[in-house]
Amino acid sequence: MKVQTHSVHFDADQKLLDFIQKRLDKLETFYDRVINGEVILKLNNKDGIENKTVEIKLFIPGTTLFSQEDAASFEAATDAATENLRRQITKHKEKALSH
């Protein structure tokens, strides 16, 4: 799957980009018709430890799936967002098969 990654106000290192790509590639095991994905990494000014935000958009035929998660690290936020997208993909497939 082709993934575009945007980091806002900082430069993401290659290790983080590879981690995100690997997590999103695992989503293709649940639904192989994913066209591409877009990931936005942000450092927000919230108080507290969870100041890193990951937004993921997955483009699939007929719809776009979206997930946004905040966490203490980009890796934890990516894990939570991909888990949310996995549930959305499963629900989308069940709807498609029932029609």
PDB file of N, CA and C in Angstrom:
ATOM      1  N   MET A   1       0.840  -1.167   0.000  1.00  0.00           N
ATOM      2  CA  MET A   1       0.000   0.000   0.000  1.00  0.00           C
ATOM      3  C   MET A   1       0.892   1.238   0.000  1.00  0.00           C
ATOM      4  N   LYS A   2       0.511   2.211  -0.795  1.00  0.00           N
ATOM      5  CA  LYS A   2       1.255   3.464  -0.853  1.00  0.00           C
ATOM      6  C   LYS A   2       0.768   4.373   0.267  1.00  0.00           C
ATOM      7  N   VAL A   3       1.701   4.871   1.069  1.00  0.00           N
ATOM      8  CA  VAL A   3       1.363   5.715   2.209  1.00  0.00           C
ATOM      9  C   VAL A   3       2.124   7.031   2.105  1.00  0.00           C
ATOM     10  N   GLN A   4       1.390   8.133   2.195  1.00  0.00           N
ATOM     11  CA  GLN A   4       2.013   9.458   2.262  1.00  0.00           C
ATOM     12  C   GLN A   4       2.040   9.870   3.722  1.00  0.00           C
ATOM     13  N   THR A   5       3.202  10.278   4.204  1.00  0.00           N
ATOM     14  CA  THR A   5       3.336  10.681   5.596  1.00  0.00           C
ATOM     15  C   THR A   5       3.744  12.141   5.657  1.00  0.00           C
ATOM     16  N   HIS A   6       3.014  12.911   6.451  1.00  0.00           N
ATOM     17  CA  HIS A   6       3.299  14.322   6.646  1.00  0.00           C
ATOM     18  C   HIS A   6       3.569  14.554   8.131  1.00  0.00           C
ATOM     19  N   SER A   7       4.677  15.192   8.437  1.00  0.00           N
ATOM     20  CA  SER A   7       4.964  15.544   9.826  1.00  0.00           C
ATOM     21  C   SER A   7       4.914  17.068   9.937  1.00  0.00           C
ATOM     22  N   VAL A   8       4.093  17.550  10.862  1.00  0.00           N
ATOM     23  CA  VAL A   8       3.841  18.975  11.004  1.00  0.00           C
ATOM     24  C   VAL A   8       4.805  19.558  12.036  1.00  0.00           C
ATOM     25  N   HIS A   9       5.603  20.531  11.624  1.00  0.00           N
ATOM     26  CA  HIS A   9       6.531  21.284  12.473  1.00  0.00           C
ATOM     27  C   HIS A   9       7.690  20.440  13.020  1.00  0.00           C
ATOM     28  N   PHE A  10       7.996  19.322  12.417  1.00  0.00           N
ATOM     29  CA  PHE A  10       9.186  18.554  12.778  1.00  0.00           C
ATOM     30  C   PHE A  10       9.487  17.573  11.650  1.00  0.00           C
ATOM     31  N   ASP A  11      10.677  16.996  11.682  1.00  0.00           N
ATOM     32  CA  ASP A  11      11.071  16.001  10.687  1.00  0.00           C
ATOM     33  C   ASP A  11      11.048  14.623  11.336  1.00  0.00           C
ATOM     34  N   ALA A  12      10.240  13.730  10.782  1.00  0.00           N
ATOM     35  CA  ALA A  12      10.155  12.360  11.304  1.00  0.00           C
ATOM     36  C   ALA A  12      11.353  11.564  10.794  1.00  0.00           C
ATOM     37  N   ASP A  13      11.928  10.743  11.667  1.00  0.00           N
ATOM     38  CA  ASP A  13      13.060   9.934  11.242  1.00  0.00           C
ATOM     39  C   ASP A  13      12.578   8.692  10.490  1.00  0.00           C
ATOM     40  N   GLN A  14      13.493   8.070   9.781  1.00  0.00           N
ATOM     41  CA  GLN A  14      13.148   6.932   8.922  1.00  0.00           C
ATOM     42  C   GLN A  14      12.630   5.746   9.725  1.00  0.00           C
ATOM     43  N   LYS A  15      13.125   5.571  10.937  1.00  0.00           N
ATOM     44  CA  LYS A  15      12.672   4.463  11.789  1.00  0.00           C
ATOM     45  C   LYS A  15      11.181   4.580  12.092  1.00  0.00           C
ATOM     46  N   LEU A  16      10.720   5.795  12.388  1.00  0.00           N
ATOM     47  CA  LEU A  16       9.298   6.027  12.654  1.00  0.00           C
ATOM     48  C   LEU A  16       8.470   5.802  11.386  1.00  0.00           C
ATOM     49  N   LEU A  17       8.955   6.274  10.256  1.00  0.00           N
ATOM     50  CA  LEU A  17       8.233   6.095   8.991  1.00  0.00           C
ATOM     51  C   LEU A  17       8.117   4.615   8.627  1.00  0.00           C
ATOM     52  N   ASP A  18       9.170   3.852   8.855  1.00  0.00           N
ATOM     53  CA  ASP A  18       9.132   2.413   8.582  1.00  0.00           C
ATOM     54  C   ASP A  18       8.145   1.708   9.513  1.00  0.00           C
ATOM     55  N   PHE A  19       8.108   2.129  10.773  1.00  0.00           N
ATOM     56  CA  PHE A  19       7.170   1.554  11.740  1.00  0.00           C
ATOM     57  C   PHE A  19       5.721   1.780  11.289  1.00  0.00           C
ATOM     58  N   ILE A  20       5.422   3.003  10.860  1.00  0.00           N
ATOM     59  CA  ILE A  20       4.064   3.335  10.407  1.00  0.00           C
ATOM     60  C   ILE A  20       3.710   2.526   9.165  1.00  0.00           C
ATOM     61  N   GLN A  21       4.647   2.428   8.220  1.00  0.00           N
ATOM     62  CA  GLN A  21       4.396   1.663   6.995  1.00  0.00           C
ATOM     63  C   GLN A  21       4.111   0.202   7.315  1.00  0.00           C
ATOM     64  N   LYS A  22       4.875  -0.377   8.245  1.00  0.00           N
ATOM     65  CA  LYS A  22       4.695  -1.783   8.614  1.00  0.00           C
ATOM     66  C   LYS A  22       3.313  -2.001   9.245  1.00  0.00           C
ATOM     67  N   ARG A  23       2.894  -1.098  10.124  1.00  0.00           N
ATOM     68  CA  ARG A  23       1.581  -1.220  10.770  1.00  0.00           C
ATOM     69  C   ARG A  23       0.441  -1.110   9.750  1.00  0.00           C
ATOM     70  N   LEU A  24       0.568  -0.188   8.815  1.00  0.00           N
ATOM     71  CA  LEU A  24      -0.490  -0.024   7.814  1.00  0.00           C
ATOM     72  C   LEU A  24      -0.506  -1.182   6.822  1.00  0.00           C
ATOM     73  N   ASP A  25       0.651  -1.759   6.529  1.00  0.00           N
ATOM     74  CA  ASP A  25       0.692  -2.917   5.642  1.00  0.00           C
ATOM     75  C   ASP A  25      -0.052  -4.103   6.260  1.00  0.00           C
ATOM     76  N   LYS A  26      -0.051  -4.208   7.594  1.00  0.00           N
ATOM     77  CA  LYS A  26      -0.777  -5.294   8.249  1.00  0.00           C
ATOM     78  C   LYS A  26      -2.282  -5.176   8.031  1.00  0.00           C
ATOM     79  N   LEU A  27      -2.787  -3.953   7.808  1.00  0.00           N
ATOM     80  CA  LEU A  27      -4.218  -3.774   7.575  1.00  0.00           C
ATOM     81  C   LEU A  27      -4.664  -4.424   6.271  1.00  0.00           C
ATOM     82  N   GLU A  28      -3.741  -4.586   5.338  1.00  0.00           N
ATOM     83  CA  GLU A  28      -4.087  -5.208   4.061  1.00  0.00           C
ATOM     84  C   GLU A  28      -4.420  -6.682   4.214  1.00  0.00           C
ATOM     85  N   THR A  29      -4.050  -7.296   5.332  1.00  0.00           N
ATOM     86  CA  THR A  29      -4.434  -8.691   5.541  1.00  0.00           C
ATOM     87  C   THR A  29      -5.938  -8.803   5.815  1.00  0.00           C
ATOM     88  N   PHE A  30      -6.542  -7.709   6.295  1.00  0.00           N
ATOM     89  CA  PHE A  30      -7.978  -7.723   6.573  1.00  0.00           C
ATOM     90  C   PHE A  30      -8.803  -7.309   5.362  1.00  0.00           C
ATOM     91  N   TYR A  31      -8.246  -6.435   4.513  1.00  0.00           N
ATOM     92  CA  TYR A  31      -8.979  -5.945   3.340  1.00  0.00           C
ATOM     93  C   TYR A  31      -7.955  -5.574   2.290  1.00  0.00           C
ATOM     94  N   ASP A  32      -7.931  -6.310   1.180  1.00  0.00           N
ATOM     95  CA  ASP A  32      -6.871  -6.124   0.193  1.00  0.00           C
ATOM     96  C   ASP A  32      -7.176  -5.064  -0.862  1.00  0.00           C
ATOM     97  N   ARG A  33      -8.322  -4.375  -0.757  1.00  0.00           N
ATOM     98  CA  ARG A  33      -8.667  -3.389  -1.771  1.00  0.00           C
ATOM     99  C   ARG A  33      -8.360  -1.958  -1.334  1.00  0.00           C
ATOM    100  N   VAL A  34      -7.479  -1.796  -0.348  1.00  0.00           N
ATOM    101  CA  VAL A  34      -7.092  -0.457   0.090  1.00  0.00           C
ATOM    102  C   VAL A  34      -6.297   0.206  -1.032  1.00  0.00           C
ATOM    103  N   ILE A  35      -6.715   1.411  -1.417  1.00  0.00           N
ATOM    104  CA  ILE A  35      -6.050   2.115  -2.518  1.00  0.00           C
ATOM    105  C   ILE A  35      -4.754   2.752  -2.029  1.00  0.00           C
ATOM    106  N   ASN A  36      -4.846   3.635  -1.048  1.00  0.00           N
ATOM    107  CA  ASN A  36      -3.661   4.246  -0.455  1.00  0.00           C
ATOM    108  C   ASN A  36      -4.016   4.827   0.902  1.00  0.00           C
ATOM    109  N   GLY A  37      -3.026   5.391   1.557  1.00  0.00           N
ATOM    110  CA  GLY A  37      -3.232   5.946   2.887  1.00  0.00           C
ATOM    111  C   GLY A  37      -2.506   7.263   3.047  1.00  0.00           C
ATOM    112  N   GLU A  38      -2.966   8.042   4.004  1.00  0.00           N
ATOM    113  CA  GLU A  38      -2.340   9.323   4.312  1.00  0.00           C
ATOM    114  C   GLU A  38      -2.209   9.425   5.828  1.00  0.00           C
ATOM    115  N   VAL A  39      -1.011   9.735   6.293  1.00  0.00           N
ATOM    116  CA  VAL A  39      -0.733   9.821   7.729  1.00  0.00           C
ATOM    117  C   VAL A  39      -0.227  11.222   8.043  1.00  0.00           C
ATOM    118  N   ILE A  40      -0.799  11.836   9.080  1.00  0.00           N
ATOM    119  CA  ILE A  40      -0.361  13.148   9.530  1.00  0.00           C
ATOM    120  C   ILE A  40       0.102  13.014  10.975  1.00  0.00           C
ATOM    121  N   LEU A  41       1.342  13.399  11.224  1.00  0.00           N
ATOM    122  CA  LEU A  41       1.924  13.356  12.560  1.00  0.00           C
ATOM    123  C   LEU A  41       2.010  14.788  13.086  1.00  0.00           C
ATOM    124  N   LYS A  42       1.479  15.012  14.286  1.00  0.00           N
ATOM    125  CA  LYS A  42       1.464  16.361  14.855  1.00  0.00           C
ATOM    126  C   LYS A  42       1.957  16.346  16.291  1.00  0.00           C
ATOM    127  N   LEU A  43       2.669  17.398  16.656  1.00  0.00           N
ATOM    128  CA  LEU A  43       2.979  17.674  18.050  1.00  0.00           C
ATOM    129  C   LEU A  43       2.010  18.770  18.478  1.00  0.00           C
ATOM    130  N   ASN A  44       1.137  18.472  19.432  1.00  0.00           N
ATOM    131  CA  ASN A  44       0.179  19.487  19.847  1.00  0.00           C
ATOM    132  C   ASN A  44       0.594  20.098  21.177  1.00  0.00           C
ATOM    133  N   ASN A  45       0.003  21.211  21.519  1.00  0.00           N
ATOM    134  CA  ASN A  45       0.400  21.977  22.701  1.00  0.00           C
ATOM    135  C   ASN A  45      -0.468  21.673  23.905  1.00  0.00           C
ATOM    136  N   LYS A  46      -1.016  20.489  23.988  1.00  0.00           N
ATOM    137  CA  LYS A  46      -1.826  20.113  25.135  1.00  0.00           C
ATOM    138  C   LYS A  46      -0.956  19.968  26.377  1.00  0.00           C
ATOM    139  N   ASP A  47      -1.565  20.240  27.522  1.00  0.00           N
ATOM    140  CA  ASP A  47      -0.882  19.947  28.773  1.00  0.00           C
ATOM    141  C   ASP A  47      -0.920  18.445  28.996  1.00  0.00           C
ATOM    142  N   GLY A  48       0.071  17.943  29.668  1.00  0.00           N
ATOM    143  CA  GLY A  48       0.086  16.513  29.951  1.00  0.00           C
ATOM    144  C   GLY A  48       1.050  15.780  29.048  1.00  0.00           C
ATOM    145  N   ILE A  49       1.048  14.467  29.204  1.00  0.00           N
ATOM    146  CA  ILE A  49       2.035  13.635  28.526  1.00  0.00           C
ATOM    147  C   ILE A  49       1.578  13.210  27.131  1.00  0.00           C
ATOM    148  N   GLU A  50       0.288  13.163  26.881  1.00  0.00           N
ATOM    149  CA  GLU A  50      -0.221  12.700  25.577  1.00  0.00           C
ATOM    150  C   GLU A  50      -0.297  13.870  24.603  1.00  0.00           C
ATOM    151  N   ASN A  51       0.859  14.296  24.107  1.00  0.00           N
ATOM    152  CA  ASN A  51       0.903  15.466  23.240  1.00  0.00           C
ATOM    153  C   ASN A  51       1.291  15.134  21.803  1.00  0.00           C
ATOM    154  N   LYS A  52       1.194  13.869  21.416  1.00  0.00           N
ATOM    155  CA  LYS A  52       1.510  13.466  20.045  1.00  0.00           C
ATOM    156  C   LYS A  52       0.255  12.893  19.398  1.00  0.00           C
ATOM    157  N   THR A  53      -0.080  13.414  18.227  1.00  0.00           N
ATOM    158  CA  THR A  53      -1.302  13.022  17.535  1.00  0.00           C
ATOM    159  C   THR A  53      -0.961  12.373  16.201  1.00  0.00           C
ATOM    160  N   VAL A  54      -1.643  11.261  15.918  1.00  0.00           N
ATOM    161  CA  VAL A  54      -1.522  10.585  14.629  1.00  0.00           C
ATOM    162  C   VAL A  54      -2.911  10.543  13.992  1.00  0.00           C
ATOM    163  N   GLU A  55      -3.011  11.052  12.775  1.00  0.00           N
ATOM    164  CA  GLU A  55      -4.248  10.983  11.999  1.00  0.00           C
ATOM    165  C   GLU A  55      -3.985  10.107  10.784  1.00  0.00           C
ATOM    166  N   ILE A  56      -4.852   9.123  10.560  1.00  0.00           N
ATOM    167  CA  ILE A  56      -4.681   8.213   9.422  1.00  0.00           C
ATOM    168  C   ILE A  56      -5.962   8.199   8.610  1.00  0.00           C
ATOM    169  N   LYS A  57      -5.824   8.400   7.304  1.00  0.00           N
ATOM    170  CA  LYS A  57      -6.940   8.257   6.355  1.00  0.00           C
ATOM    171  C   LYS A  57      -6.608   7.093   5.439  1.00  0.00           C
ATOM    172  N   LEU A  58      -7.552   6.181   5.298  1.00  0.00           N
ATOM    173  CA  LEU A  58      -7.400   5.082   4.348  1.00  0.00           C
ATOM    174  C   LEU A  58      -8.450   5.252   3.262  1.00  0.00           C
ATOM    175  N   PHE A  59      -8.016   5.231   2.027  1.00  0.00           N
ATOM    176  CA  PHE A  59      -8.927   5.367   0.900  1.00  0.00           C
ATOM    177  C   PHE A  59      -9.211   3.981   0.345  1.00  0.00           C
ATOM    178  N   ILE A  60     -10.479   3.572   0.416  1.00  0.00           N
ATOM    179  CA  ILE A  60     -10.908   2.305  -0.134  1.00  0.00           C
ATOM    180  C   ILE A  60     -12.048   2.594  -1.097  1.00  0.00           C
ATOM    181  N   PRO A  61     -12.336   1.693  -2.030  1.00  0.00           N
ATOM    182  CA  PRO A  61     -13.388   1.956  -3.009  1.00  0.00           C
ATOM    183  C   PRO A  61     -14.728   2.250  -2.317  1.00  0.00           C
ATOM    184  N   GLY A  62     -15.278   3.416  -2.605  1.00  0.00           N
ATOM    185  CA  GLY A  62     -16.591   3.763  -2.080  1.00  0.00           C
ATOM    186  C   GLY A  62     -16.584   4.603  -0.826  1.00  0.00           C
ATOM    187  N   THR A  63     -15.472   4.649  -0.097  1.00  0.00           N
ATOM    188  CA  THR A  63     -15.460   5.419   1.143  1.00  0.00           C
ATOM    189  C   THR A  63     -14.029   5.725   1.584  1.00  0.00           C
ATOM    190  N   THR A  64     -13.933   6.549   2.601  1.00  0.00           N
ATOM    191  CA  THR A  64     -12.654   6.864   3.234  1.00  0.00           C
ATOM    192  C   THR A  64     -12.789   6.577   4.717  1.00  0.00           C
ATOM    193  N   LEU A  65     -11.842   5.834   5.269  1.00  0.00           N
ATOM    194  CA  LEU A  65     -11.837   5.535   6.699  1.00  0.00           C
ATOM    195  C   LEU A  65     -10.848   6.460   7.382  1.00  0.00           C
ATOM    196  N   PHE A  66     -11.201   6.932   8.583  1.00  0.00           N
ATOM    197  CA  PHE A  66     -10.367   7.907   9.289  1.00  0.00           C
ATOM    198  C   PHE A  66     -10.233   7.525  10.752  1.00  0.00           C
ATOM    199  N   SER A  67      -9.040   7.753  11.298  1.00  0.00           N
ATOM    200  CA  SER A  67      -8.809   7.533  12.723  1.00  0.00           C
ATOM    201  C   SER A  67      -7.803   8.555  13.220  1.00  0.00           C
ATOM    202  N   GLN A  68      -8.070   9.096  14.407  1.00  0.00           N
ATOM    203  CA  GLN A  68      -7.154  10.045  15.042  1.00  0.00           C
ATOM    204  C   GLN A  68      -6.950   9.625  16.485  1.00  0.00           C
ATOM    205  N   GLU A  69      -5.695   9.541  16.892  1.00  0.00           N
ATOM    206  CA  GLU A  69      -5.372   9.117  18.256  1.00  0.00           C
ATOM    207  C   GLU A  69      -4.273   9.990  18.840  1.00  0.00           C
ATOM    208  N   ASP A  70      -4.380  10.248  20.144  1.00  0.00           N
ATOM    209  CA  ASP A  70      -3.347  10.959  20.899  1.00  0.00           C
ATOM    210  C   ASP A  70      -2.670   9.970  21.842  1.00  0.00           C
ATOM    211  N   ALA A  71      -1.362  10.119  22.018  1.00  0.00           N
ATOM    212  CA  ALA A  71      -0.633   9.243  22.942  1.00  0.00           C
ATOM    213  C   ALA A  71       0.674   9.919  23.345  1.00  0.00           C
ATOM    214  N   ALA A  72       1.401   9.266  24.232  1.00  0.00           N
ATOM    215  CA  ALA A  72       2.680   9.791  24.698  1.00  0.00           C
ATOM    216  C   ALA A  72       3.778   9.631  23.645  1.00  0.00           C
ATOM    217  N   SER A  73       3.617   8.668  22.729  1.00  0.00           N
ATOM    218  CA  SER A  73       4.590   8.478  21.653  1.00  0.00           C
ATOM    219  C   SER A  73       3.840   8.253  20.342  1.00  0.00           C
ATOM    220  N   PHE A  74       4.528   8.524  19.244  1.00  0.00           N
ATOM    221  CA  PHE A  74       3.910   8.311  17.942  1.00  0.00           C
ATOM    222  C   PHE A  74       3.644   6.837  17.687  1.00  0.00           C
ATOM    223  N   GLU A  75       4.499   5.968  18.228  1.00  0.00           N
ATOM    224  CA  GLU A  75       4.303   4.536  18.035  1.00  0.00           C
ATOM    225  C   GLU A  75       3.025   4.062  18.714  1.00  0.00           C
ATOM    226  N   ALA A  76       2.781   4.513  19.942  1.00  0.00           N
ATOM    227  CA  ALA A  76       1.570   4.116  20.662  1.00  0.00           C
ATOM    228  C   ALA A  76       0.324   4.673  19.978  1.00  0.00           C
ATOM    229  N   ALA A  77       0.402   5.907  19.499  1.00  0.00           N
ATOM    230  CA  ALA A  77      -0.732   6.511  18.799  1.00  0.00           C
ATOM    231  C   ALA A  77      -1.000   5.773  17.487  1.00  0.00           C
ATOM    232  N   THR A  78       0.061   5.366  16.791  1.00  0.00           N
ATOM    233  CA  THR A  78      -0.104   4.613  15.544  1.00  0.00           C
ATOM    234  C   THR A  78      -0.763   3.263  15.806  1.00  0.00           C
ATOM    235  N   ASP A  79      -0.331   2.575  16.858  1.00  0.00           N
ATOM    236  CA  ASP A  79      -0.947   1.292  17.211  1.00  0.00           C
ATOM    237  C   ASP A  79      -2.436   1.451  17.492  1.00  0.00           C
ATOM    238  N   ALA A  80      -2.806   2.466  18.262  1.00  0.00           N
ATOM    239  CA  ALA A  80      -4.216   2.682  18.603  1.00  0.00           C
ATOM    240  C   ALA A  80      -5.024   3.041  17.359  1.00  0.00           C
ATOM    241  N   ALA A  81      -4.468   3.885  16.493  1.00  0.00           N
ATOM    242  CA  ALA A  81      -5.185   4.298  15.282  1.00  0.00           C
ATOM    243  C   ALA A  81      -5.363   3.132  14.309  1.00  0.00           C
ATOM    244  N   THR A  82      -4.335   2.291  14.156  1.00  0.00           N
ATOM    245  CA  THR A  82      -4.470   1.155  13.239  1.00  0.00           C
ATOM    246  C   THR A  82      -5.456   0.122  13.784  1.00  0.00           C
ATOM    247  N   GLU A  83      -5.508  -0.038  15.106  1.00  0.00           N
ATOM    248  CA  GLU A  83      -6.498  -0.950  15.695  1.00  0.00           C
ATOM    249  C   GLU A  83      -7.914  -0.439  15.437  1.00  0.00           C
ATOM    250  N   ASN A  84      -8.098   0.871  15.560  1.00  0.00           N
ATOM    251  CA  ASN A  84      -9.392   1.479  15.264  1.00  0.00           C
ATOM    252  C   ASN A  84      -9.753   1.268  13.790  1.00  0.00           C
ATOM    253  N   LEU A  85      -8.798   1.452  12.903  1.00  0.00           N
ATOM    254  CA  LEU A  85      -9.053   1.248  11.469  1.00  0.00           C
ATOM    255  C   LEU A  85      -9.340  -0.221  11.160  1.00  0.00           C
ATOM    256  N   ARG A  86      -8.698  -1.134  11.876  1.00  0.00           N
ATOM    257  CA  ARG A  86      -8.968  -2.561  11.666  1.00  0.00           C
ATOM    258  C   ARG A  86     -10.439  -2.865  11.964  1.00  0.00           C
ATOM    259  N   ARG A  87     -10.960  -2.290  13.053  1.00  0.00           N
ATOM    260  CA  ARG A  87     -12.377  -2.495  13.382  1.00  0.00           C
ATOM    261  C   ARG A  87     -13.278  -1.871  12.316  1.00  0.00           C
ATOM    262  N   GLN A  88     -12.907  -0.687  11.822  1.00  0.00           N
ATOM    263  CA  GLN A  88     -13.697  -0.044  10.774  1.00  0.00           C
ATOM    264  C   GLN A  88     -13.697  -0.867   9.493  1.00  0.00           C
ATOM    265  N   ILE A  89     -12.551  -1.434   9.135  1.00  0.00           N
ATOM    266  CA  ILE A  89     -12.454  -2.267   7.931  1.00  0.00           C
ATOM    267  C   ILE A  89     -13.335  -3.501   8.083  1.00  0.00           C
ATOM    268  N   THR A  90     -13.285  -4.133   9.245  1.00  0.00           N
ATOM    269  CA  THR A  90     -14.108  -5.330   9.489  1.00  0.00           C
ATOM    270  C   THR A  90     -15.585  -4.991   9.365  1.00  0.00           C
ATOM    271  N   LYS A  91     -15.993  -3.877   9.934  1.00  0.00           N
ATOM    272  CA  LYS A  91     -17.395  -3.462   9.862  1.00  0.00           C
ATOM    273  C   LYS A  91     -17.798  -3.148   8.417  1.00  0.00           C
ATOM    274  N   HIS A  92     -16.896  -2.495   7.675  1.00  0.00           N
ATOM    275  CA  HIS A  92     -17.166  -2.161   6.277  1.00  0.00           C
ATOM    276  C   HIS A  92     -17.329  -3.436   5.426  1.00  0.00           C
ATOM    277  N   LYS A  93     -16.466  -4.427   5.678  1.00  0.00           N
ATOM    278  CA  LYS A  93     -16.567  -5.680   4.923  1.00  0.00           C
ATOM    279  C   LYS A  93     -17.877  -6.412   5.245  1.00  0.00           C
ATOM    280  N   GLU A  94     -18.272  -6.413   6.510  1.00  0.00           N
ATOM    281  CA  GLU A  94     -19.539  -7.081   6.883  1.00  0.00           C
ATOM    282  C   GLU A  94     -20.726  -6.423   6.216  1.00  0.00           C
ATOM    283  N   LYS A  95     -20.721  -5.090   6.144  1.00  0.00           N
ATOM    284  CA  LYS A  95     -21.801  -4.376   5.479  1.00  0.00           C
ATOM    285  C   LYS A  95     -21.834  -4.701   3.987  1.00  0.00           C
ATOM    286  N   ALA A  96     -20.663  -4.727   3.377  1.00  0.00           N
ATOM    287  CA  ALA A  96     -20.573  -4.987   1.931  1.00  0.00           C
ATOM    288  C   ALA A  96     -21.047  -6.409   1.610  1.00  0.00           C
ATOM    289  N   LEU A  97     -20.716  -7.368   2.476  1.00  0.00           N
ATOM    290  CA  LEU A  97     -21.110  -8.744   2.218  1.00  0.00           C
ATOM    291  C   LEU A  97     -22.610  -8.964   2.464  1.00  0.00           C
ATOM    292  N   SER A  98     -23.193  -8.171   3.337  1.00  0.00           N
ATOM    293  CA  SER A  98     -24.613  -8.361   3.646  1.00  0.00           C
ATOM    294  C   SER A  98     -25.520  -7.773   2.561  1.00  0.00           C
ATOM    295  N   HIS A  99     -24.969  -6.897   1.724  1.00  0.00           N
ATOM    296  CA  HIS A  99     -25.803  -6.279   0.675  1.00  0.00           C
ATOM    297  C   HIS A  99     -25.761  -7.070  -0.590  1.00  0.00           C
TER     298      HIS A  99
END
